[in-house]
Structures are given as C-alpha cells and as structure tokens.
Protein backbone atom coordinates (compact mmCIF):
# COMPACT_ATOMS: atom_id res chain seq x y z
CA MET A 1 -67.81 54.13 59.76
CA ASP A 2 -69.21 53.42 63.24
CA ALA A 3 -71.90 55.95 64.09
CA SER A 4 -71.78 55.22 67.83
CA ASN A 5 -68.35 56.63 68.63
CA GLY A 6 -67.57 58.68 65.52
CA GLN A 7 -64.32 56.76 64.90
CA PRO A 8 -63.66 55.41 61.41
CA ASP A 9 -64.34 51.73 60.91
CA LEU A 10 -60.96 50.01 60.15
CA GLN A 11 -62.56 47.22 58.15
CA SER A 12 -64.40 49.72 55.97
CA ILE A 13 -61.16 51.58 55.23
CA LEU A 14 -59.36 48.37 54.21
CA ALA A 15 -62.22 47.38 51.96
CA THR A 16 -62.18 50.80 50.31
CA LEU A 17 -58.41 50.60 49.67
CA ALA A 18 -58.80 47.14 48.16
CA GLN A 19 -61.10 48.59 45.50
CA TYR A 20 -58.35 50.92 44.26
CA ALA A 21 -55.61 48.24 44.12
CA ASN A 22 -53.57 47.86 40.84
CA PRO A 23 -55.53 45.52 38.53
CA THR A 24 -52.33 44.22 36.86
CA ALA A 25 -50.76 43.32 40.15
CA SER A 26 -53.95 41.62 41.26
CA SER A 27 -54.18 39.53 38.12
CA ALA A 28 -50.52 38.47 38.35
CA GLY A 29 -50.91 37.28 41.91
CA LEU A 30 -47.66 39.07 43.00
CA PRO A 31 -47.07 42.73 43.82
CA SER A 32 -45.20 44.72 41.22
CA GLN A 33 -41.87 46.29 42.04
CA GLY A 34 -43.31 49.84 41.85
CA SER A 35 -46.53 49.31 43.82
CA ASP A 36 -47.19 49.94 47.50
CA GLN A 37 -48.27 47.11 49.75
CA VAL A 38 -50.48 47.32 52.77
CA VAL A 39 -48.65 45.78 55.71
CA GLY A 40 -51.26 46.09 58.33
CA HIS A 41 -53.12 48.50 60.57
CA GLY A 42 -53.39 50.97 57.71
CA GLN A 43 -49.60 51.29 57.31
CA ILE A 44 -48.20 51.33 53.78
CA TYR A 45 -44.70 49.98 53.01
CA SER A 46 -43.20 51.57 49.91
CA HIS A 47 -40.76 49.54 47.72
CA ASN A 48 -39.58 52.76 46.09
CA SER A 49 -38.43 54.48 49.26
CA SER A 50 -34.87 55.76 49.35
CA GLU A 51 -34.11 53.69 52.42
CA ASN A 52 -35.03 50.44 50.71
CA THR A 53 -33.41 50.72 47.29
CA PRO A 54 -33.73 47.33 45.61
CA THR A 55 -30.48 45.51 44.72
CA PRO A 56 -30.26 44.76 41.00
CA PRO A 57 -30.40 41.06 40.20
CA PRO A 58 -27.04 39.38 39.49
CA THR A 59 -26.10 39.16 35.85
CA LEU A 60 -25.94 35.57 34.66
CA PRO A 61 -23.36 34.61 32.03
CA PHE A 62 -24.55 33.71 28.59
CA PRO A 63 -24.22 30.05 27.69
CA ASN A 64 -21.29 30.75 25.34
CA GLN A 65 -19.33 32.73 27.91
CA ARG A 66 -16.34 30.97 29.50
CA SER A 67 -16.25 30.47 33.22
CA HIS A 68 -13.62 32.53 34.97
CA ASP A 69 -11.88 29.49 36.36
CA PRO A 70 -8.44 30.62 37.55
CA ARG A 71 -7.02 27.34 36.28
CA LEU A 72 -7.96 28.39 32.75
CA LEU A 73 -5.94 31.57 33.07
CA ARG A 74 -2.67 29.72 33.41
CA PRO A 75 -0.30 30.17 30.49
CA GLN A 76 -0.18 27.20 28.18
CA SER A 77 2.91 25.10 27.87
CA ARG A 78 5.64 26.58 25.73
CA THR A 79 6.04 23.30 23.90
CA ALA A 80 2.39 23.36 22.88
CA THR A 81 2.46 26.88 21.46
CA ALA A 82 5.98 27.13 20.11
CA SER A 83 6.32 26.40 16.40
CA PRO A 84 8.66 23.50 15.61
CA LYS A 85 12.01 24.45 14.16
CA PRO A 86 12.02 23.61 10.45
CA MET A 87 14.36 20.81 9.47
CA ILE A 88 17.21 21.59 7.11
CA ASP A 89 16.77 20.18 3.62
CA PRO A 90 18.88 16.98 3.54
CA ALA A 91 19.81 17.73 -0.08
CA SER A 92 21.69 20.84 1.07
CA ILE A 93 23.80 19.09 3.74
CA THR A 94 27.43 18.31 2.87
CA THR A 95 29.03 18.23 6.35
CA TRP A 96 29.09 15.27 8.71
CA PRO A 97 27.98 17.01 11.97
CA GLU A 98 24.84 18.44 10.37
CA GLY A 99 24.16 15.19 8.55
CA LEU A 100 24.36 13.28 11.82
CA ARG A 101 21.90 15.67 13.50
CA CYS A 102 19.55 15.41 10.54
CA VAL A 103 19.42 11.61 10.44
CA THR A 104 18.90 11.52 14.22
CA LYS A 105 15.82 13.76 13.88
CA ILE A 106 14.50 11.65 11.01
CA ALA A 107 14.87 8.48 13.08
CA GLN A 108 12.92 10.11 15.93
CA GLN A 109 10.09 11.46 13.76
CA ASN A 110 9.62 8.56 11.32
CA ALA A 111 8.24 5.48 13.04
CA ASN A 112 9.03 3.31 9.99
CA PHE A 113 12.63 4.49 9.60
CA ALA A 114 14.23 1.78 11.74
CA ALA A 115 12.26 -1.01 10.05
CA SER A 116 13.23 0.26 6.59
CA ILE A 117 16.93 0.41 7.46
CA LYS A 118 16.87 -3.06 9.03
CA LYS A 119 15.15 -4.51 5.97
CA MET A 120 17.77 -3.00 3.66
CA MET A 121 20.55 -4.40 5.81
CA ALA A 122 18.96 -7.87 5.80
CA ASP A 123 18.45 -7.83 2.02
CA GLN A 124 22.03 -6.72 1.43
CA ARG A 125 23.39 -9.44 3.69
CA LYS A 126 21.26 -12.10 1.98
CA HIS A 127 22.42 -11.07 -1.52
CA GLU A 128 26.06 -10.90 -0.49
CA MET A 129 25.89 -14.38 1.05
CA GLN A 130 24.26 -15.76 -2.12
CA TRP A 131 26.91 -14.16 -4.33
CA TYR A 132 29.72 -15.46 -2.16
CA ALA A 133 28.27 -18.98 -2.12
CA SER A 134 27.85 -18.96 -5.91
CA ARG A 135 31.44 -17.87 -6.45
CA GLN A 136 32.71 -20.55 -4.09
CA ASN A 137 30.65 -23.16 -5.95
CA LEU A 138 32.18 -22.05 -9.23
CA LYS A 139 35.68 -22.37 -7.85
CA GLN A 140 34.85 -25.80 -6.45
CA THR A 141 33.48 -26.87 -9.82
CA GLN A 142 36.70 -25.78 -11.49
CA ALA A 143 38.74 -27.65 -8.89
CA ASN A 144 36.65 -30.78 -9.35
CA ARG A 145 36.99 -30.47 -13.09
CA ILE A 146 40.78 -30.33 -12.84
CA SER A 147 40.80 -33.24 -10.42
CA SER A 148 38.57 -35.32 -12.65
CA SER A 149 40.72 -34.56 -15.65
CA ALA A 150 43.86 -35.51 -13.75
CA LYS A 151 42.29 -38.73 -12.53
CA ALA A 152 41.17 -39.64 -16.02
CA ALA A 153 44.63 -38.98 -17.42
CA SER A 154 46.20 -41.06 -14.66
CA ILE A 155 43.89 -44.00 -15.32
CA LEU A 156 44.53 -43.92 -19.04
CA GLN A 157 48.25 -43.72 -18.46
CA SER A 158 48.19 -46.70 -16.11
CA LEU A 159 46.42 -48.73 -18.78
CA GLY A 160 49.02 -47.75 -21.33
CA SER A 161 46.44 -45.97 -23.40
CA VAL A 162 47.48 -43.22 -25.71
CA SER A 163 43.93 -41.95 -26.17
CA GLN A 164 43.36 -38.23 -26.00
CA PRO A 165 41.44 -36.78 -23.06
CA ALA A 166 37.74 -36.38 -23.59
CA PRO A 167 36.57 -33.02 -24.95
CA GLY A 168 36.12 -30.49 -22.19
CA ASN A 169 38.80 -31.95 -19.97
CA ASP A 170 41.65 -30.07 -21.60
CA ARG A 171 40.79 -26.72 -20.03
CA SER A 172 43.79 -24.72 -18.95
CA GLU A 173 44.20 -22.63 -15.85
CA ALA A 174 43.78 -19.53 -18.02
CA ASP A 175 40.36 -20.78 -19.08
CA ASP A 176 39.32 -21.15 -15.47
CA GLN A 177 40.56 -17.66 -14.64
CA ALA A 178 38.63 -16.22 -17.56
CA GLU A 179 35.49 -18.01 -16.39
CA LEU A 180 35.94 -16.65 -12.88
CA ALA A 181 36.55 -13.11 -14.19
CA GLU A 182 33.33 -13.27 -16.22
CA TYR A 183 31.42 -14.27 -13.12
CA ASP A 184 32.97 -11.38 -11.17
CA ARG A 185 31.85 -8.91 -13.86
CA LYS A 186 28.28 -10.16 -13.55
CA LEU A 187 28.57 -9.98 -9.79
CA TYR A 188 29.79 -6.37 -9.98
CA THR A 189 26.81 -5.42 -12.15
CA ALA A 190 24.39 -6.99 -9.67
CA GLN A 191 26.10 -5.29 -6.76
CA THR A 192 25.98 -1.91 -8.52
CA SER A 193 22.26 -2.32 -9.17
CA MET A 194 21.70 -3.15 -5.51
CA GLU A 195 23.65 -0.07 -4.37
CA GLU A 196 21.65 2.15 -6.74
CA ALA A 197 18.39 0.78 -5.35
CA MET A 198 19.58 1.33 -1.78
CA THR A 199 20.73 4.86 -2.61
CA ALA A 200 17.29 5.68 -4.02
CA GLU A 201 15.57 4.27 -0.92
CA LEU A 202 17.86 6.17 1.47
CA LYS A 203 17.20 9.33 -0.51
CA ALA A 204 13.44 8.76 -0.22
CA LEU A 205 13.86 8.39 3.56
CA GLY A 206 15.66 11.75 3.68
CA VAL A 207 19.05 10.39 4.74
CA PRO A 208 21.75 13.03 4.06
CA PHE A 209 24.40 12.48 1.37
CA PHE A 210 22.13 10.22 -0.72
CA GLY A 211 20.18 12.97 -2.45
CA THR A 212 22.74 15.78 -2.39
CA SER A 213 22.09 18.65 -4.80
CA GLN A 214 24.27 18.32 -7.87
CA HIS A 215 25.39 21.96 -7.75
CA LEU A 216 27.16 21.21 -4.45
CA VAL A 217 29.26 18.34 -5.88
CA VAL A 218 32.30 18.98 -8.09
CA PRO A 219 34.63 16.53 -9.86
CA ASP A 220 37.72 15.21 -8.13
CA GLY A 221 40.71 17.49 -8.52
CA TRP A 222 38.55 20.60 -8.38
CA ASP A 223 39.93 23.23 -6.01
CA VAL A 224 36.83 24.04 -3.98
CA SER A 225 38.74 26.64 -1.94
CA LYS A 226 38.79 28.94 -4.97
CA GLU A 227 35.02 28.89 -5.33
CA GLN A 228 33.38 32.06 -4.02
CA LEU A 229 30.10 31.45 -2.23
CA PRO A 230 27.65 34.15 -1.05
CA GLU A 231 28.25 35.50 2.45
CA ASP A 232 24.90 34.18 3.65
CA HIS A 233 25.60 30.69 2.25
CA PRO A 234 24.92 28.05 4.95
CA LYS A 235 28.04 26.63 6.54
CA TRP A 236 26.62 23.10 6.34
CA SER A 237 26.23 23.37 2.56
CA LYS A 238 29.77 23.77 1.27
CA LEU A 239 31.10 22.38 -2.00
CA ILE A 240 32.54 18.86 -1.92
CA THR A 241 34.13 16.51 -4.46
CA ASP A 242 32.78 13.19 -5.69
CA SER A 243 35.26 11.29 -3.52
CA GLU A 244 34.31 13.31 -0.44
CA LEU A 245 30.63 12.58 -1.06
CA LEU A 246 31.37 8.87 -1.40
CA THR A 247 33.27 8.96 1.89
CA LEU A 248 30.32 10.64 3.62
CA ARG A 249 27.93 8.03 2.24
CA ARG A 250 30.05 5.17 3.52
CA LYS A 251 30.34 6.85 6.89
CA MET A 252 26.56 7.26 7.07
CA VAL A 253 25.96 3.63 6.11
CA SER A 254 28.38 2.52 8.82
CA HIS A 255 26.58 4.74 11.33
CA LEU A 256 23.18 3.28 10.40
CA GLU A 257 24.54 -0.26 10.66
CA ASP A 258 25.82 0.51 14.16
CA MET A 259 22.45 1.98 15.14
CA TYR A 260 20.32 -0.94 13.96
CA LYS A 261 22.58 -3.96 14.05
CA ASP A 262 21.17 -7.06 15.74
C-alpha cells in the first residue's frame, strides 16, 4: 500500500491474491472448472455464474456402437431375408406338371445335373450302338455261313462228287433263328441292367418318377378311383398304376433328352 496518497497498491493486492490461489489448479497448469480466474484490474470472472453455464461436452459413441448412417437404416432386400420355399419330396410326386416343375428346380440348383444327364445319354447311345453292331455282325456271319455252304455244295456238285457237306455247314434256317434269339435274350438282359443303373442314378439326382414311394403305386387293373385318401392329401401325390408310372418315366426321359441333346 502506497503511504503517499493512501490508495491501495494494485501490485500488492495481486500478489496477495496469488498466495491464496487453489494449489491443485496451480499444479495442473490449467484452471479448474469450479475456480475463479482473475481477468485483470482486480476483476474476477466466475465460471459458475448463471449467465455463463458451461455446455456439457458431446457424448462420443463407444467403439462397438454402430454409426447412424441413414443408408444402414434401409430395409434389406426381401430376397435376402425371405426363407426359401421348401422343395416337394420327389418321391411323393405322381403328376406330370409337378414333376416338371421339380426337375426344373433341380436343374437350376444342381450345377452337376446337366453333366450327369449328358453322360448317361452318351453311355446309353454307346451301348446301344455296340449292341446293334454286334447283332448285325451275327446276322452277317450267318449269311456268310449259308453262302459258303451253298458255294461248297455247288462246287462239289459240279465235280460230280457225292461227298457229304463238311460238319457245321448243314445248319438250317431254324438253327440260325435260334442263335439269333439267344443273342437277343442276352441283349435284353444287358439292356435291363443298364436301365436299372440309370434308374438308380436318376433317383439319386432327385428326378421325379424314378424313386416314387411304393405306397403310391398300385398294380395294373386296380381301380384307383375307389381308394379313399385323406382330405389334406397333396393333389400332386395321387395313386397311380405301374403302367402309368412307366409312362411318366418315359415322358421324363424324353424331356431330359430334349433339354440336353447336342
């Protein structure tokens, strides 16, 4: 305090106030939110005044919180969330329209379906060509045998020989027919085995009419109209006869051949 004019010394007042400052705030190097700061000329600015209410800091999202991107609020595609419609069991199908729909779905969903069908078609064609060629060779052999026998008889006759034809050259036409019939029986057995193998493969691929449930197939001559089925029985799973099932199989094979023919 200046003794000459009796007015308080400003520097002395500031020094005195500095002695009573908050030790925590001084050690931190920054003023605390609740402390008063000296602005200058002895004026004190209060952070806790009603006119200067501090704005709360913005709340930051936690790392695991999703950003509110409006693009993420769009509804997902219906095709991505909708459950696929279950496919009807091929073993329960006994009608052509439903069988056609079923095999179309299988062809779309199984990437190996087309290759499997084409391989079966190629194998069947190869076997049938081999069988046909073998049968033609047998008939040609029989024709050559008859021709050779006739030539031999003609030569002997021209020489005035009364010798009997050599053994094996006296075969009759009935013998040749019996030989050809025996070959056809063997051919039928081979063809039946091939069809059974193809049926098993088509069943494994899920093709309708090749793995039909036995309780849906009745013998020929059975009056299926008299059979009472439950009211909730599927319309695509009616009773059919053996002949009707065979017709459906042939129709399906023809359809597959049209789909995958070269």
